[in-house]
C-alpha atoms as a PDB file:
ATOM      1  CA  MET A   1       0.000   0.000   0.000  1.00  0.00           C
ATOM      2  CA  LYS A   2       2.824   2.394   0.836  1.00  0.00           C
ATOM      3  CA  ARG A   3       4.343   2.012  -2.641  1.00  0.00           C
ATOM      4  CA  GLU A   4       0.968   2.732  -4.195  1.00  0.00           C
ATOM      5  CA  LEU A   5       0.603   5.853  -2.026  1.00  0.00           C
ATOM      6  CA  PHE A   6       4.022   7.130  -3.165  1.00  0.00           C
ATOM      7  CA  LEU A   7       3.080   6.501  -6.787  1.00  0.00           C
ATOM      8  CA  TYR A   8      -0.209   8.383  -6.533  1.00  0.00           C
ATOM      9  CA  ALA A   9       1.342  11.169  -4.434  1.00  0.00           C
ATOM     10  CA  GLY A  10       4.000  11.536  -7.141  1.00  0.00           C
ATOM     11  CA  LEU A  11       1.244  11.673  -9.736  1.00  0.00           C
ATOM     12  CA  LEU A  12      -0.487  14.419  -7.750  1.00  0.00           C
ATOM     13  CA  LEU A  13       2.801  16.346  -7.453  1.00  0.00           C
ATOM     14  CA  PHE A  14       3.315  15.995 -11.211  1.00  0.00           C
ATOM     15  CA  GLY A  15      -0.152  17.425 -11.769  1.00  0.00           C
ATOM     16  CA  VAL A  16       0.606  20.339  -9.448  1.00  0.00           C
ATOM     17  CA  PHE A  17       3.817  21.009 -11.374  1.00  0.00           C
ATOM     18  CA  LEU A  18       1.954  20.916 -14.711  1.00  0.00           C
ATOM     19  CA  SER A  19      -0.598  23.323 -13.286  1.00  0.00           C
ATOM     20  CA  ALA A  20       2.212  25.752 -12.416  1.00  0.00           C
ATOM     21  CA  VAL A  21       3.565  25.401 -15.955  1.00  0.00           C
ATOM     22  CA  SER A  22       0.150  26.249 -17.384  1.00  0.00           C
ATOM     23  CA  GLN A  23      -0.018  29.326 -15.136  1.00  0.00           C
ATOM     24  CA  VAL A  24       3.283  30.466 -16.619  1.00  0.00           C
ATOM     25  CA  MET A  25       1.898  29.903 -20.106  1.00  0.00           C
ATOM     26  CA  LEU A  26      -1.145  32.041 -19.312  1.00  0.00           C
ATOM     27  CA  LYS A  27       1.022  34.820 -17.909  1.00  0.00           C
ATOM     28  CA  LYS A  28       3.238  34.717 -21.014  1.00  0.00           C
ATOM     29  CA  ALA A  29       0.134  35.024 -23.176  1.00  0.00           C
ATOM     30  CA  ALA A  30      -1.204  37.887 -21.032  1.00  0.00           C
ATOM     31  CA  LEU A  31       2.003  39.874 -21.525  1.00  0.00           C
ATOM     32  CA  LYS A  32       1.521  39.962 -25.317  1.00  0.00           C
ATOM     33  CA  GLU A  33      -0.481  42.554 -27.204  1.00  0.00           C
ATOM     34  CA  TYR A  34      -3.308  41.260 -29.385  1.00  0.00           C
ATOM     35  CA  SER A  35      -5.233  42.961 -32.176  1.00  0.00           C
ATOM     36  CA  SER A  36      -8.588  41.777 -30.815  1.00  0.00           C
ATOM     37  CA  LYS A  37     -10.143  40.296 -27.705  1.00  0.00           C
ATOM     38  CA  ILE A  38     -10.938  37.060 -29.521  1.00  0.00           C
ATOM     39  CA  LYS A  39      -7.263  36.568 -30.439  1.00  0.00           C
ATOM     40  CA  GLU A  40      -6.343  37.254 -26.840  1.00  0.00           C
ATOM     41  CA  TYR A  41      -8.343  34.236 -25.655  1.00  0.00           C
ATOM     42  CA  LEU A  42      -8.244  31.978 -28.695  1.00  0.00           C
ATOM     43  CA  ASN A  43      -4.549  31.567 -29.322  1.00  0.00           C
ATOM     44  CA  PRO A  44      -2.564  28.337 -29.121  1.00  0.00           C
ATOM     45  CA  LEU A  45      -0.752  29.212 -25.877  1.00  0.00           C
ATOM     46  CA  VAL A  46      -3.949  30.007 -23.955  1.00  0.00           C
ATOM     47  CA  ILE A  47      -5.831  27.017 -25.342  1.00  0.00           C
ATOM     48  CA  LEU A  48      -2.960  24.659 -24.493  1.00  0.00           C
ATOM     49  CA  ALA A  49      -2.715  26.113 -20.974  1.00  0.00           C
ATOM     50  CA  TYR A  50      -6.400  25.450 -20.362  1.00  0.00           C
ATOM     51  CA  VAL A  51      -6.123  21.951 -21.807  1.00  0.00           C
ATOM     52  CA  ILE A  52      -3.291  21.327 -19.329  1.00  0.00           C
ATOM     53  CA  PHE A  53      -5.474  22.693 -16.504  1.00  0.00           C
ATOM     54  CA  VAL A  54      -8.225  20.240 -17.407  1.00  0.00           C
ATOM     55  CA  GLY A  55      -5.643  17.456 -17.559  1.00  0.00           C
ATOM     56  CA  THR A  56      -4.255  18.326 -14.149  1.00  0.00           C
ATOM     57  CA  THR A  57      -7.762  18.308 -12.715  1.00  0.00           C
ATOM     58  CA  LEU A  58      -8.270  14.791 -14.044  1.00  0.00           C
ATOM     59  CA  ILE A  59      -4.870  13.764 -12.661  1.00  0.00           C
ATOM     60  CA  SER A  60      -5.855  15.123  -9.236  1.00  0.00           C
ATOM     61  CA  VAL A  61      -9.167  13.292  -9.233  1.00  0.00           C
ATOM     62  CA  TYR A  62      -7.393  10.073 -10.185  1.00  0.00           C
ATOM     63  CA  ALA A  63      -4.634  10.555  -7.570  1.00  0.00           C
ATOM     64  CA  TYR A  64      -7.162  11.192  -4.799  1.00  0.00           C
ATOM     65  CA  ARG A  65      -8.345   7.614  -5.242  1.00  0.00           C
ATOM     66  CA  VAL A  66      -5.341   6.646  -3.072  1.00  0.00           C
ATOM     67  CA  VAL A  67      -3.921   9.893  -1.632  1.00  0.00           C
ATOM     68  CA  PRO A  68      -5.610  10.754   1.684  1.00  0.00           C
ATOM     69  CA  LEU A  69      -7.496  14.041   1.726  1.00  0.00           C
ATOM     70  CA  SER A  70      -5.305  15.178   4.618  1.00  0.00           C
ATOM     71  CA  LEU A  71      -2.179  14.834   2.436  1.00  0.00           C
ATOM     72  CA  GLY A  72      -3.562  16.454  -0.725  1.00  0.00           C
ATOM     73  CA  PRO A  73      -3.402  20.115   0.354  1.00  0.00           C
ATOM     74  CA  ILE A  74       0.152  19.579   1.616  1.00  0.00           C
ATOM     75  CA  LEU A  75       1.245  18.303  -1.778  1.00  0.00           C
ATOM     76  CA  GLU A  76      -0.692  21.009  -3.590  1.00  0.00           C
ATOM     77  CA  ALA A  77       1.069  23.678  -1.496  1.00  0.00           C
ATOM     78  CA  THR A  78       4.226  22.896  -3.468  1.00  0.00           C
ATOM     79  CA  SER A  79       2.683  24.918  -6.312  1.00  0.00           C
ATOM     80  CA  TYR A  80       3.677  28.101  -4.462  1.00  0.00           C
ATOM     81  CA  ILE A  81       7.286  26.982  -4.626  1.00  0.00           C
ATOM     82  CA  TYR A  82       7.101  26.161  -8.343  1.00  0.00           C
ATOM     83  CA  VAL A  83       5.363  29.414  -9.228  1.00  0.00           C
ATOM     84  CA  THR A  84       7.893  31.461  -7.254  1.00  0.00           C
ATOM     85  CA  ILE A  85      10.829  29.723  -8.925  1.00  0.00           C
ATOM     86  CA  PHE A  86       9.250  30.191 -12.378  1.00  0.00           C
ATOM     87  CA  GLY A  87       8.593  33.856 -11.601  1.00  0.00           C
ATOM     88  CA  ILE A  88      12.212  34.449 -10.670  1.00  0.00           C
ATOM     89  CA  VAL A  89      13.754  32.414 -13.502  1.00  0.00           C
ATOM     90  CA  ILE A  90      11.364  33.124 -16.384  1.00  0.00           C
ATOM     91  CA  PHE A  91       9.908  36.554 -15.602  1.00  0.00           C
ATOM     92  CA  ARG A  92      12.880  37.979 -13.670  1.00  0.00           C
ATOM     93  CA  GLU A  93      10.617  38.896 -10.761  1.00  0.00           C
ATOM     94  CA  SER A  94      12.296  40.043  -7.604  1.00  0.00           C
ATOM     95  CA  ILE A  95      12.000  38.158  -4.361  1.00  0.00           C
ATOM     96  CA  ASN A  96      11.899  39.910  -1.010  1.00  0.00           C
ATOM     97  CA  VAL A  97      12.156  38.831   2.612  1.00  0.00           C
ATOM     98  CA  ARG A  98       8.389  38.498   2.914  1.00  0.00           C
ATOM     99  CA  LYS A  99       8.190  36.063  -0.021  1.00  0.00           C
ATOM    100  CA  ILE A 100      11.152  34.072   1.259  1.00  0.00           C
ATOM    101  CA  SER A 101       9.551  33.891   4.715  1.00  0.00           C
ATOM    102  CA  GLY A 102       6.307  32.652   3.211  1.00  0.00           C
ATOM    103  CA  LEU A 103       8.079  29.976   1.168  1.00  0.00           C
ATOM    104  CA  LEU A 104      10.030  28.840   4.209  1.00  0.00           C
ATOM    105  CA  LEU A 105       6.782  28.507   6.174  1.00  0.00           C
ATOM    106  CA  ILE A 106       5.294  26.410   3.369  1.00  0.00           C
ATOM    107  CA  ILE A 107       8.386  24.202   3.222  1.00  0.00           C
ATOM    108  CA  ALA A 108       8.390  23.883   7.025  1.00  0.00           C
ATOM    109  CA  GLY A 109       4.722  22.861   6.965  1.00  0.00           C
ATOM    110  CA  ILE A 110       5.426  20.219   4.335  1.00  0.00           C
ATOM    111  CA  ALA A 111       8.391  18.936   6.364  1.00  0.00           C
ATOM    112  CA  VAL A 112       6.393  18.821   9.604  1.00  0.00           C
ATOM    113  CA  TYR A 113       3.623  16.845   7.931  1.00  0.00           C
ATOM    114  CA  ALA A 114       6.106  14.506   6.258  1.00  0.00           C
ATOM    115  CA  LEU A 115       8.001  13.841   9.484  1.00  0.00           C
ATOM    116  CA  LEU A 116       5.195  13.888  12.044  1.00  0.00           C
ATOM    117  CA  GLY A 117       2.077  13.488   9.861  1.00  0.00           C
END
């Protein structure tokens, strides 16, 4: 059972990562100028991002067949880490002490659950 839990938890983490990737895709699309509102929403990048979102929702539903509901939000909290890293690396966003403190609290919460859960 434990091996199966790790497999499904990994699947859920993969879905969370893909969700963060699709958020980056949507932000990239939002930074572009479009000649019309319809082109703003119906372009390949936006459509693919939403397809990925639907896929990650299906992955989450499938993973929750084995992953306990108490563990799910802990794993999904890793999205904040992914999004922050993508923001720094891809969009050259700055990181301040407040953001670092928040990420450390998230990581500490994940560690506490993993060690004491």
